[in-house]
């Protein structure tokens, strides 16, 4: 699972790792700091457009790698980018057609490249490239260009026709425009990427390209026939479900020779180059199994790969590559393509490892029902990583924490890796300094002072605990099926809420001081301030007036904060205070709030352990979806005065091999400054799939 922040640019210093708000302070206490200095002259902030601010991150430590490690990193870098086209097609069957058209305009349009129309095109082009399509990368709703239709059509017609995509032989640019116009402008065509509303067919209401011509019932009936034993593969993870001409439900598997075969073959070719330069036998084994999985599409092989990957704890270079997270599937089965190539941050790893080493203690002392606790927490390998490149669903909008493999039975029997993305967090921290968000929304000077002292550390610790002990905690009752079947479209929200609550419950525990990762429980108070403020108020900056919350992580945060606020009202644990016409969150009893987080954690684990769909649905729909419109208007108005972009993402570093006599003798890291130019470069170098797949 990923810990998404997808942060607002004007972040507060006390923001949690699970929140949209980022710590403003670049430094934590010296004892626990994982931050490395940014090189002189390196500029973190890059372009901004629409509601987006692009950032850059550095890769400290890369120059100190051995030549073999650099070669390995380069081959994995190329494998990561080779799969880039896949996420575009997964998000929409029109995705690659639209992207290729926009690229042709950007590269070849012969008309004026100044004025309001060109700016409107560039904003839309940037949004589409950032989101891998026409749906907001976070909110899932369709967005539209401010460019008039006639002007957009003119840009298509005045671009190089040979660069424009064609669906049929002889298709003219004018005919292409007629095909694309409703995709761009019609609100009834693909209105929402993932539609999780209750009591509807979530598959037919969602625009993702995982299903075609089938109903939700068709899909559930199809997978009900598969083996559901405890160690069964994640059926459906790597396929599109369709109906044949004679009405039979079937899968198109994503593999070499199958759907997405051209891109997968390129991924495989780079992975095969990586195998000989693997750092050790265990890493070599995992890469070979990943190649075999891509070649066969066999999900049992994917499980073998996941087990081998989790067992590789010694390598400095690591990679996530495959069909991983299921947030983009309305029923939580299909994996989105992503890749993260990284190197271990040795210093920052000490903190998260200290938590992982106490995983059994945390499990034993959690507020879960005894039958829902793991008697033996297996092999959590925890580390902080320095990201080298991200691709697919991990970029440009990135997680800050990852816990994999996702399969519960593998984590239970073979362990997992829990990682924190240290250089990504550092860039967020640096870009968030002096945003004004803290001063605008914090209730008191005491909270501001505590945030500035402990906020960044609080954020790091919550991320560590969410990934390391959160996702690894608890167990499902014997005979109960996996959450994607029992909890269905609520599974992702409930799982993220559960992992958040593990981190929140222990954020105030003296155990963190005892093991040396926190100087005092004041760090936990800083996290509570952040989480409640974000869950009840500030994450609403992401929504348009009148919208409900759709995204799983946002739902999770409002669910946890809203439930705790409501259940603690009688004892005035948390209150919403009005001062000078502004609303503030005020925590009156941090210990009682911790108890409330523990109560909700106990219930969410019960829901997961017992597969209680109705209870899970009730919690999410009651606390996680609906928005107070009056409070929403206030938050938006206050936020607008700060003149900040609400979303952020990253331009990726570029790895450049130094060649001599056909061999790589070194690999250099470059830091592109323009998101638009990087998208043009990627479009040229990594266009591997046809427009229709």
Foldseek 3Di string as FASTA:
>chain_A
DFQFQLAFLQADLQAALNYNHFRQALFAPPLQTLHDDDDPPDFQWFDDADLETAGAFDFPPPVVDDFLVQLLLQLLVQLQLLCQVQLLCQQALQLLLVLLLLLQLVVFQPDDCDDDQNSQSVRQNVQCVFCSHQAGVFQQFGDATPHDLVSVLNSQQRGDQVSHADPDPPQGSNNSSVVCVCRHPPCVQQGGQFDQDPPDFRQVNHRGQQEDADTNVLVLVVCVPDDFPQPDFLPSAAWRWYADPVGRIDTFGQAQVTVVNQSLVSSLVSLVVSLVSFPDDLRNVLSVLVSVCRHPVDRVSVLVSQLSLFPPQPFQKHKDFDQAWQLSPLLRRYGWTKMWIWGFSVSNFVLLVLVLVCLQVLQVPALADPVFWDPDQDDERETEIATQFMHTSCPQRHGQKDWDDPRLVCCRPRNIYIYGHVRVSSSSNNSNHPLCPCVLAADDPVLSVLSNRQSNLLNVQLSSQLRNNQLRTTDAAPPDGALSSLQTSLSLLLSSLLSSLSSLLCLQPCVCCVSPSDVHSSNSVSNVQNLLSRLQAQVLLVDDQPFWRDRSSSLSSQLLNVQLCVVCVVVPQWDWDDDPNDTHIDGDDSVVSSVSSSVVSNVSSVCRNHSVNVVSVCSSVVGRIDHDNVSSVRSNVSVVVSVTNRGYGYDHWDWDFDDDPRDGPHIDIHIDNDPVVVSSVSCVPNPRDRSRD
